[in-house]
Amino acid sequence: MLELHLQPGARRTEVAGLHGGRLKIRLKARAVKGAANQALLDFLAEVLQAKKKDIKIESGETSRRKRVSVLGASRAPESLLSA
């Protein structure tokens, strides 16, 4: 389970350290019609080498603060820190 703080509408998609005890991820996509959520799922799937269907937003669908579950990832969540 990942505890995340998102910043949609950033210049590029990247991990930006910690924010209030959560991993902060900047997303290039804007928070319009689910684009930022989809960009988050795509980013996590790529970095963690997991299938998109195995990544699910558990809570915070419309919030910057999200809880995301990841199953079957080839890389550990710590790999996000070097992304």
N, C-alpha and C. Protein backbone atom coordinates (compact mmCIF):
# COMPACT_ATOMS: atom_id res chain seq x y z
N MET A 1 0.85 -1.17 0.00
CA MET A 1 0.00 0.00 0.00
C MET A 1 0.90 1.24 0.00
N LEU A 2 0.65 2.13 -0.93
CA LEU A 2 1.42 3.37 -1.03
C LEU A 2 0.56 4.54 -0.56
N GLU A 3 1.14 5.39 0.26
CA GLU A 3 0.50 6.62 0.70
C GLU A 3 1.13 7.75 -0.10
N LEU A 4 0.33 8.41 -0.94
CA LEU A 4 0.87 9.38 -1.88
C LEU A 4 0.24 10.76 -1.72
N HIS A 5 1.02 11.77 -2.06
CA HIS A 5 0.52 13.15 -2.21
C HIS A 5 0.85 13.54 -3.65
N LEU A 6 -0.18 13.92 -4.40
CA LEU A 6 0.02 14.23 -5.82
C LEU A 6 -0.05 15.72 -6.11
N GLN A 7 0.70 16.12 -7.10
CA GLN A 7 0.67 17.50 -7.60
C GLN A 7 0.41 17.44 -9.10
N PRO A 8 -0.87 17.50 -9.50
CA PRO A 8 -1.18 17.47 -10.93
C PRO A 8 -0.83 18.80 -11.60
N GLY A 9 -0.63 18.76 -12.91
CA GLY A 9 -0.33 19.97 -13.67
C GLY A 9 1.10 20.44 -13.52
N ALA A 10 2.00 19.54 -13.15
CA ALA A 10 3.42 19.89 -13.01
C ALA A 10 4.09 19.92 -14.39
N ARG A 11 5.31 20.40 -14.41
CA ARG A 11 6.06 20.48 -15.66
C ARG A 11 6.38 19.10 -16.23
N ARG A 12 6.63 18.14 -15.35
CA ARG A 12 6.90 16.76 -15.79
C ARG A 12 6.48 15.79 -14.69
N THR A 13 6.34 14.55 -15.04
CA THR A 13 5.97 13.51 -14.08
C THR A 13 7.23 12.98 -13.43
N GLU A 14 7.24 13.05 -12.08
CA GLU A 14 8.42 12.62 -11.33
C GLU A 14 8.08 12.47 -9.86
N VAL A 15 8.94 11.76 -9.14
CA VAL A 15 8.85 11.69 -7.69
C VAL A 15 9.58 12.90 -7.13
N ALA A 16 8.95 13.56 -6.15
CA ALA A 16 9.53 14.80 -5.63
C ALA A 16 9.81 14.72 -4.13
N GLY A 17 10.11 13.54 -3.61
CA GLY A 17 10.46 13.40 -2.20
C GLY A 17 9.24 13.13 -1.34
N LEU A 18 9.29 13.63 -0.10
CA LEU A 18 8.20 13.40 0.85
C LEU A 18 7.43 14.68 1.12
N HIS A 19 6.16 14.51 1.45
CA HIS A 19 5.29 15.64 1.79
C HIS A 19 4.33 15.15 2.87
N GLY A 20 4.51 15.61 4.09
CA GLY A 20 3.63 15.21 5.18
C GLY A 20 3.61 13.72 5.43
N GLY A 21 4.76 13.07 5.32
CA GLY A 21 4.85 11.64 5.56
C GLY A 21 4.41 10.77 4.39
N ARG A 22 4.05 11.39 3.29
CA ARG A 22 3.64 10.64 2.09
C ARG A 22 4.63 10.91 0.98
N LEU A 23 4.72 9.97 0.05
CA LEU A 23 5.58 10.15 -1.11
C LEU A 23 4.90 11.13 -2.06
N LYS A 24 5.61 12.19 -2.42
CA LYS A 24 5.05 13.21 -3.31
C LYS A 24 5.41 12.88 -4.75
N ILE A 25 4.38 12.86 -5.60
CA ILE A 25 4.58 12.62 -7.02
C ILE A 25 3.98 13.78 -7.80
N ARG A 26 4.80 14.38 -8.64
CA ARG A 26 4.33 15.44 -9.54
C ARG A 26 3.86 14.77 -10.83
N LEU A 27 2.71 15.19 -11.32
CA LEU A 27 2.16 14.63 -12.55
C LEU A 27 1.99 15.72 -13.59
N LYS A 28 2.44 15.46 -14.78
CA LYS A 28 2.30 16.42 -15.86
C LYS A 28 0.82 16.61 -16.22
N ALA A 29 0.05 15.54 -16.13
CA ALA A 29 -1.37 15.59 -16.47
C ALA A 29 -2.14 16.45 -15.48
N ARG A 30 -3.16 17.13 -15.98
CA ARG A 30 -4.03 17.94 -15.14
C ARG A 30 -5.13 17.07 -14.54
N ALA A 31 -5.69 17.53 -13.46
CA ALA A 31 -6.76 16.80 -12.77
C ALA A 31 -8.10 17.08 -13.44
N VAL A 32 -8.23 16.67 -14.68
CA VAL A 32 -9.45 16.89 -15.45
C VAL A 32 -9.90 15.55 -16.03
N LYS A 33 -11.12 15.17 -15.74
CA LYS A 33 -11.72 13.95 -16.29
C LYS A 33 -10.86 12.71 -16.04
N GLY A 34 -10.23 12.64 -14.87
CA GLY A 34 -9.46 11.45 -14.50
C GLY A 34 -8.09 11.33 -15.15
N ALA A 35 -7.65 12.36 -15.86
CA ALA A 35 -6.36 12.29 -16.56
C ALA A 35 -5.19 12.12 -15.59
N ALA A 36 -5.24 12.81 -14.46
CA ALA A 36 -4.14 12.71 -13.49
C ALA A 36 -4.11 11.31 -12.86
N ASN A 37 -5.27 10.77 -12.55
CA ASN A 37 -5.32 9.42 -11.98
C ASN A 37 -4.76 8.41 -12.98
N GLN A 38 -5.12 8.53 -14.24
CA GLN A 38 -4.62 7.61 -15.25
C GLN A 38 -3.11 7.77 -15.42
N ALA A 39 -2.62 9.00 -15.39
CA ALA A 39 -1.18 9.26 -15.49
C ALA A 39 -0.45 8.64 -14.30
N LEU A 40 -1.05 8.71 -13.12
CA LEU A 40 -0.45 8.11 -11.93
C LEU A 40 -0.34 6.60 -12.10
N LEU A 41 -1.41 5.96 -12.54
CA LEU A 41 -1.39 4.51 -12.73
C LEU A 41 -0.36 4.11 -13.78
N ASP A 42 -0.27 4.86 -14.86
CA ASP A 42 0.71 4.59 -15.91
C ASP A 42 2.14 4.72 -15.37
N PHE A 43 2.38 5.79 -14.62
CA PHE A 43 3.70 6.05 -14.05
C PHE A 43 4.11 4.94 -13.08
N LEU A 44 3.21 4.57 -12.18
CA LEU A 44 3.51 3.52 -11.21
C LEU A 44 3.75 2.18 -11.91
N ALA A 45 2.95 1.87 -12.91
CA ALA A 45 3.12 0.61 -13.64
C ALA A 45 4.49 0.56 -14.31
N GLU A 46 4.91 1.67 -14.88
CA GLU A 46 6.21 1.72 -15.56
C GLU A 46 7.37 1.59 -14.56
N VAL A 47 7.34 2.38 -13.51
CA VAL A 47 8.45 2.40 -12.56
C VAL A 47 8.53 1.09 -11.77
N LEU A 48 7.38 0.57 -11.34
CA LEU A 48 7.37 -0.64 -10.53
C LEU A 48 7.32 -1.92 -11.35
N GLN A 49 7.24 -1.75 -12.67
CA GLN A 49 7.15 -2.89 -13.59
C GLN A 49 6.02 -3.81 -13.19
N ALA A 50 4.83 -3.24 -13.10
CA ALA A 50 3.62 -3.98 -12.74
C ALA A 50 2.58 -3.78 -13.84
N LYS A 51 1.62 -4.67 -13.89
CA LYS A 51 0.52 -4.52 -14.84
C LYS A 51 -0.44 -3.45 -14.32
N LYS A 52 -0.97 -2.66 -15.22
CA LYS A 52 -1.88 -1.58 -14.83
C LYS A 52 -3.10 -2.12 -14.09
N LYS A 53 -3.55 -3.32 -14.45
CA LYS A 53 -4.72 -3.90 -13.79
C LYS A 53 -4.43 -4.28 -12.34
N ASP A 54 -3.14 -4.37 -11.97
CA ASP A 54 -2.76 -4.74 -10.60
C ASP A 54 -2.51 -3.52 -9.72
N ILE A 55 -2.77 -2.33 -10.23
CA ILE A 55 -2.61 -1.10 -9.46
C ILE A 55 -3.98 -0.47 -9.32
N LYS A 56 -4.35 -0.17 -8.08
CA LYS A 56 -5.70 0.34 -7.81
C LYS A 56 -5.66 1.48 -6.81
N ILE A 57 -6.38 2.55 -7.11
CA ILE A 57 -6.53 3.65 -6.15
C ILE A 57 -7.58 3.21 -5.15
N GLU A 58 -7.15 2.97 -3.92
CA GLU A 58 -8.05 2.49 -2.87
C GLU A 58 -8.86 3.61 -2.24
N SER A 59 -8.23 4.77 -2.07
CA SER A 59 -8.95 5.92 -1.53
C SER A 59 -8.32 7.20 -2.05
N GLY A 60 -9.13 8.26 -2.11
CA GLY A 60 -8.64 9.55 -2.57
C GLY A 60 -8.79 9.76 -4.06
N GLU A 61 -9.75 9.13 -4.66
CA GLU A 61 -9.97 9.23 -6.11
C GLU A 61 -9.99 10.68 -6.60
N THR A 62 -10.59 11.58 -5.83
CA THR A 62 -10.69 12.99 -6.24
C THR A 62 -9.84 13.90 -5.36
N SER A 63 -8.91 13.34 -4.64
CA SER A 63 -8.07 14.11 -3.71
C SER A 63 -6.61 14.04 -4.13
N ARG A 64 -5.82 14.96 -3.62
CA ARG A 64 -4.38 14.90 -3.86
C ARG A 64 -3.74 13.80 -3.01
N ARG A 65 -4.39 13.47 -1.89
CA ARG A 65 -3.90 12.43 -0.99
C ARG A 65 -4.56 11.11 -1.37
N LYS A 66 -3.73 10.14 -1.75
CA LYS A 66 -4.26 8.87 -2.23
C LYS A 66 -3.59 7.70 -1.54
N ARG A 67 -4.34 6.61 -1.44
CA ARG A 67 -3.81 5.32 -1.02
C ARG A 67 -3.94 4.41 -2.23
N VAL A 68 -2.81 3.84 -2.63
CA VAL A 68 -2.78 3.02 -3.85
C VAL A 68 -2.21 1.65 -3.51
N SER A 69 -2.90 0.61 -3.94
CA SER A 69 -2.39 -0.75 -3.75
C SER A 69 -1.73 -1.21 -5.04
N VAL A 70 -0.63 -1.95 -4.87
CA VAL A 70 0.11 -2.48 -6.02
C VAL A 70 0.38 -3.96 -5.75
N LEU A 71 -0.06 -4.80 -6.67
CA LEU A 71 0.17 -6.24 -6.56
C LEU A 71 1.07 -6.69 -7.70
N GLY A 72 1.89 -7.69 -7.44
CA GLY A 72 2.68 -8.31 -8.50
C GLY A 72 3.71 -7.43 -9.16
N ALA A 73 4.26 -6.46 -8.44
CA ALA A 73 5.28 -5.59 -9.01
C ALA A 73 6.63 -6.31 -9.05
N SER A 74 7.37 -6.10 -10.11
CA SER A 74 8.71 -6.69 -10.25
C SER A 74 9.74 -5.91 -9.46
N ARG A 75 9.46 -4.63 -9.23
CA ARG A 75 10.39 -3.77 -8.49
C ARG A 75 9.75 -3.34 -7.18
N ALA A 76 10.57 -3.13 -6.18
CA ALA A 76 10.11 -2.72 -4.86
C ALA A 76 9.65 -1.26 -4.88
N PRO A 77 8.74 -0.89 -3.98
CA PRO A 77 8.28 0.49 -3.91
C PRO A 77 9.42 1.50 -3.70
N GLU A 78 10.51 1.05 -3.08
CA GLU A 78 11.65 1.93 -2.86
C GLU A 78 12.24 2.42 -4.17
N SER A 79 11.99 1.71 -5.26
CA SER A 79 12.51 2.13 -6.56
C SER A 79 11.89 3.44 -7.03
N LEU A 80 10.75 3.82 -6.44
CA LEU A 80 10.14 5.11 -6.77
C LEU A 80 11.04 6.26 -6.37
N LEU A 81 11.83 6.09 -5.32
CA LEU A 81 12.70 7.16 -4.85
C LEU A 81 13.79 7.50 -5.85
N SER A 82 14.11 6.58 -6.73
CA SER A 82 15.14 6.85 -7.74
C SER A 82 14.53 7.13 -9.10
N ALA A 83 13.20 7.27 -9.16
CA ALA A 83 12.52 7.51 -10.45
C ALA A 83 12.52 8.98 -10.81
